[in-house]
Amino acid sequence: MVTIKEIKSTIAVSIAAAFGFIIALIWKDIIIGAMKLADLWQEGGFENTTALIIGVVVAIIITVVSVLGIIFISKWGGVVQK
């Protein structure tokens, strides 16, 4: 029989993985944007250095919020032991 604790743990791991995917996709876009700015990529990207800097700042904010979300959801799901 599946317990509530196991269900919460599974949900927490799934949500933490989703946060991790968000972080990875955001930083992928930053890297591709920087490569476009350096004429190393064909499509997408940033138009100028200011746009790149704004993208990096936004990516850092999203990363911090996502990491806090991972910590919170992991504690909720009992994945992290106190």
N, C-alpha and C. Protein backbone atom coordinates (compact mmCIF):
# COMPACT_ATOMS: atom_id res chain seq x y z
N MET A 1 0.84 -1.18 0.00
CA MET A 1 0.00 0.00 0.00
C MET A 1 0.89 1.25 0.00
N VAL A 2 0.50 2.21 -0.80
CA VAL A 2 1.25 3.45 -0.93
C VAL A 2 0.80 4.42 0.17
N THR A 3 1.78 4.99 0.84
CA THR A 3 1.47 5.92 1.93
C THR A 3 1.48 7.36 1.43
N ILE A 4 0.88 8.22 2.22
CA ILE A 4 0.87 9.65 1.91
C ILE A 4 2.29 10.20 1.85
N LYS A 5 3.16 9.71 2.72
CA LYS A 5 4.55 10.16 2.75
C LYS A 5 5.25 9.84 1.42
N GLU A 6 5.01 8.66 0.89
CA GLU A 6 5.62 8.27 -0.39
C GLU A 6 5.08 9.12 -1.53
N ILE A 7 3.79 9.42 -1.50
CA ILE A 7 3.18 10.25 -2.53
C ILE A 7 3.76 11.65 -2.48
N LYS A 8 3.87 12.23 -1.27
CA LYS A 8 4.45 13.57 -1.13
C LYS A 8 5.89 13.59 -1.60
N SER A 9 6.63 12.55 -1.31
CA SER A 9 8.02 12.47 -1.72
C SER A 9 8.13 12.41 -3.24
N THR A 10 7.28 11.63 -3.88
CA THR A 10 7.29 11.52 -5.33
C THR A 10 6.91 12.84 -5.99
N ILE A 11 5.90 13.51 -5.45
CA ILE A 11 5.50 14.82 -5.97
C ILE A 11 6.63 15.82 -5.81
N ALA A 12 7.28 15.81 -4.65
CA ALA A 12 8.38 16.75 -4.40
C ALA A 12 9.54 16.53 -5.36
N VAL A 13 9.88 15.29 -5.62
CA VAL A 13 10.97 15.00 -6.55
C VAL A 13 10.59 15.45 -7.96
N SER A 14 9.36 15.23 -8.36
CA SER A 14 8.91 15.64 -9.70
C SER A 14 8.93 17.16 -9.87
N ILE A 15 8.46 17.87 -8.86
CA ILE A 15 8.46 19.33 -8.93
C ILE A 15 9.88 19.88 -8.90
N ALA A 16 10.74 19.28 -8.08
CA ALA A 16 12.14 19.71 -8.04
C ALA A 16 12.81 19.49 -9.40
N ALA A 17 12.50 18.39 -10.04
CA ALA A 17 13.05 18.14 -11.38
C ALA A 17 12.55 19.18 -12.37
N ALA A 18 11.29 19.56 -12.26
CA ALA A 18 10.73 20.59 -13.15
C ALA A 18 11.46 21.92 -12.95
N PHE A 19 11.72 22.28 -11.70
CA PHE A 19 12.49 23.50 -11.43
C PHE A 19 13.88 23.39 -12.06
N GLY A 20 14.50 22.24 -11.95
CA GLY A 20 15.82 22.04 -12.55
C GLY A 20 15.78 22.20 -14.07
N PHE A 21 14.74 21.69 -14.70
CA PHE A 21 14.60 21.85 -16.16
C PHE A 21 14.42 23.32 -16.53
N ILE A 22 13.66 24.05 -15.73
CA ILE A 22 13.49 25.48 -15.98
C ILE A 22 14.83 26.20 -15.93
N ILE A 23 15.62 25.90 -14.90
CA ILE A 23 16.95 26.51 -14.78
C ILE A 23 17.81 26.17 -16.00
N ALA A 24 17.81 24.91 -16.38
CA ALA A 24 18.64 24.50 -17.52
C ALA A 24 18.21 25.19 -18.81
N LEU A 25 16.92 25.31 -19.06
CA LEU A 25 16.44 25.94 -20.29
C LEU A 25 16.73 27.43 -20.31
N ILE A 26 16.61 28.09 -19.17
CA ILE A 26 16.91 29.52 -19.10
C ILE A 26 18.37 29.76 -19.45
N TRP A 27 19.27 28.98 -18.83
CA TRP A 27 20.70 29.18 -19.08
C TRP A 27 21.10 28.76 -20.49
N LYS A 28 20.39 27.79 -21.06
CA LYS A 28 20.63 27.41 -22.46
C LYS A 28 20.36 28.60 -23.37
N ASP A 29 19.27 29.31 -23.11
CA ASP A 29 18.94 30.48 -23.91
C ASP A 29 19.97 31.59 -23.75
N ILE A 30 20.50 31.75 -22.54
CA ILE A 30 21.53 32.77 -22.31
C ILE A 30 22.79 32.42 -23.11
N ILE A 31 23.19 31.15 -23.07
CA ILE A 31 24.39 30.73 -23.79
C ILE A 31 24.21 30.90 -25.30
N ILE A 32 23.06 30.49 -25.81
CA ILE A 32 22.80 30.65 -27.24
C ILE A 32 22.76 32.13 -27.61
N GLY A 33 22.17 32.95 -26.74
CA GLY A 33 22.12 34.39 -26.99
C GLY A 33 23.50 35.01 -27.03
N ALA A 34 24.36 34.60 -26.13
CA ALA A 34 25.73 35.12 -26.12
C ALA A 34 26.49 34.65 -27.37
N MET A 35 26.25 33.41 -27.77
CA MET A 35 26.90 32.91 -28.99
C MET A 35 26.42 33.67 -30.22
N LYS A 36 25.15 34.02 -30.28
CA LYS A 36 24.60 34.81 -31.39
C LYS A 36 25.25 36.19 -31.40
N LEU A 37 25.42 36.77 -30.22
CA LEU A 37 26.04 38.08 -30.12
C LEU A 37 27.48 38.05 -30.62
N ALA A 38 28.15 36.91 -30.44
CA ALA A 38 29.53 36.76 -30.91
C ALA A 38 29.60 36.21 -32.34
N ASP A 39 28.47 36.16 -33.02
CA ASP A 39 28.37 35.64 -34.38
C ASP A 39 28.80 34.18 -34.49
N LEU A 40 28.48 33.41 -33.47
CA LEU A 40 28.78 31.97 -33.49
C LEU A 40 27.51 31.13 -33.62
N TRP A 41 26.37 31.78 -33.75
CA TRP A 41 25.08 31.09 -33.82
C TRP A 41 24.22 31.77 -34.88
N GLN A 42 23.37 31.02 -35.54
CA GLN A 42 22.61 31.55 -36.66
C GLN A 42 21.31 32.26 -36.27
N GLU A 43 20.55 31.66 -35.38
CA GLU A 43 19.20 32.17 -35.12
C GLU A 43 18.99 32.47 -33.65
N GLY A 44 17.99 33.28 -33.37
CA GLY A 44 17.68 33.64 -31.99
C GLY A 44 18.73 34.58 -31.43
N GLY A 45 18.82 34.63 -30.13
CA GLY A 45 19.88 35.37 -29.49
C GLY A 45 19.53 36.80 -29.14
N PHE A 46 20.55 37.50 -28.67
CA PHE A 46 20.39 38.88 -28.22
C PHE A 46 20.88 39.84 -29.31
N GLU A 47 20.28 41.01 -29.34
CA GLU A 47 20.64 42.01 -30.34
C GLU A 47 21.87 42.81 -29.93
N ASN A 48 22.06 43.02 -28.61
CA ASN A 48 23.19 43.81 -28.15
C ASN A 48 23.63 43.36 -26.75
N THR A 49 24.71 43.95 -26.28
CA THR A 49 25.27 43.56 -24.98
C THR A 49 24.32 43.88 -23.83
N THR A 50 23.60 44.98 -23.93
CA THR A 50 22.64 45.35 -22.88
C THR A 50 21.57 44.27 -22.72
N ALA A 51 21.07 43.78 -23.82
CA ALA A 51 20.07 42.71 -23.77
C ALA A 51 20.65 41.45 -23.12
N LEU A 52 21.92 41.16 -23.41
CA LEU A 52 22.58 40.00 -22.80
C LEU A 52 22.69 40.18 -21.29
N ILE A 53 23.09 41.37 -20.85
CA ILE A 53 23.23 41.63 -19.42
C ILE A 53 21.87 41.51 -18.72
N ILE A 54 20.84 42.06 -19.32
CA ILE A 54 19.49 41.94 -18.74
C ILE A 54 19.08 40.47 -18.69
N GLY A 55 19.37 39.70 -19.74
CA GLY A 55 19.06 38.28 -19.75
C GLY A 55 19.77 37.52 -18.65
N VAL A 56 21.04 37.85 -18.42
CA VAL A 56 21.80 37.18 -17.35
C VAL A 56 21.22 37.51 -15.98
N VAL A 57 20.87 38.78 -15.77
CA VAL A 57 20.28 39.17 -14.48
C VAL A 57 18.96 38.44 -14.25
N VAL A 58 18.13 38.40 -15.28
CA VAL A 58 16.85 37.68 -15.16
C VAL A 58 17.09 36.19 -14.90
N ALA A 59 18.06 35.61 -15.58
CA ALA A 59 18.38 34.19 -15.38
C ALA A 59 18.85 33.93 -13.96
N ILE A 60 19.65 34.83 -13.41
CA ILE A 60 20.11 34.67 -12.02
C ILE A 60 18.93 34.73 -11.06
N ILE A 61 18.02 35.68 -11.27
CA ILE A 61 16.84 35.79 -10.41
C ILE A 61 15.98 34.53 -10.50
N ILE A 62 15.74 34.05 -11.72
CA ILE A 62 14.94 32.84 -11.90
C ILE A 62 15.64 31.63 -11.25
N THR A 63 16.95 31.57 -11.36
CA THR A 63 17.71 30.47 -10.76
C THR A 63 17.57 30.49 -9.25
N VAL A 64 17.71 31.67 -8.63
CA VAL A 64 17.60 31.78 -7.17
C VAL A 64 16.20 31.39 -6.72
N VAL A 65 15.18 31.90 -7.40
CA VAL A 65 13.79 31.56 -7.03
C VAL A 65 13.55 30.06 -7.19
N SER A 66 14.06 29.48 -8.26
CA SER A 66 13.87 28.05 -8.50
C SER A 66 14.59 27.20 -7.44
N VAL A 67 15.80 27.60 -7.08
CA VAL A 67 16.53 26.86 -6.05
C VAL A 67 15.79 26.94 -4.72
N LEU A 68 15.27 28.12 -4.39
CA LEU A 68 14.47 28.24 -3.16
C LEU A 68 13.22 27.36 -3.25
N GLY A 69 12.61 27.30 -4.42
CA GLY A 69 11.46 26.42 -4.62
C GLY A 69 11.83 24.96 -4.44
N ILE A 70 12.99 24.57 -4.96
CA ILE A 70 13.46 23.19 -4.79
C ILE A 70 13.66 22.88 -3.31
N ILE A 71 14.29 23.80 -2.58
CA ILE A 71 14.52 23.58 -1.15
C ILE A 71 13.20 23.45 -0.41
N PHE A 72 12.26 24.38 -0.69
CA PHE A 72 10.97 24.35 -0.01
C PHE A 72 10.20 23.07 -0.31
N ILE A 73 10.11 22.72 -1.59
CA ILE A 73 9.31 21.54 -1.95
C ILE A 73 9.97 20.26 -1.45
N SER A 74 11.29 20.24 -1.38
CA SER A 74 12.00 19.06 -0.86
C SER A 74 11.73 18.87 0.63
N LYS A 75 11.70 19.97 1.35
CA LYS A 75 11.36 19.88 2.79
C LYS A 75 9.92 19.45 2.96
N TRP A 76 9.02 19.99 2.15
CA TRP A 76 7.62 19.62 2.23
C TRP A 76 7.42 18.13 1.96
N GLY A 77 8.12 17.64 0.96
CA GLY A 77 7.95 16.24 0.58
C GLY A 77 8.74 15.27 1.43
N GLY A 78 9.54 15.78 2.36
CA GLY A 78 10.32 14.90 3.22
C GLY A 78 11.53 14.30 2.52
N VAL A 79 11.94 14.91 1.39
CA VAL A 79 13.10 14.40 0.65
C VAL A 79 14.37 14.74 1.41
N VAL A 80 14.40 15.93 2.01
CA VAL A 80 15.57 16.38 2.79
C VAL A 80 15.31 16.08 4.26
N GLN A 81 16.25 15.40 4.87
CA GLN A 81 16.14 15.08 6.29
C GLN A 81 16.69 16.24 7.11
N LYS A 82 16.01 16.57 8.20
CA LYS A 82 16.45 17.68 9.06
C LYS A 82 17.53 17.23 10.02
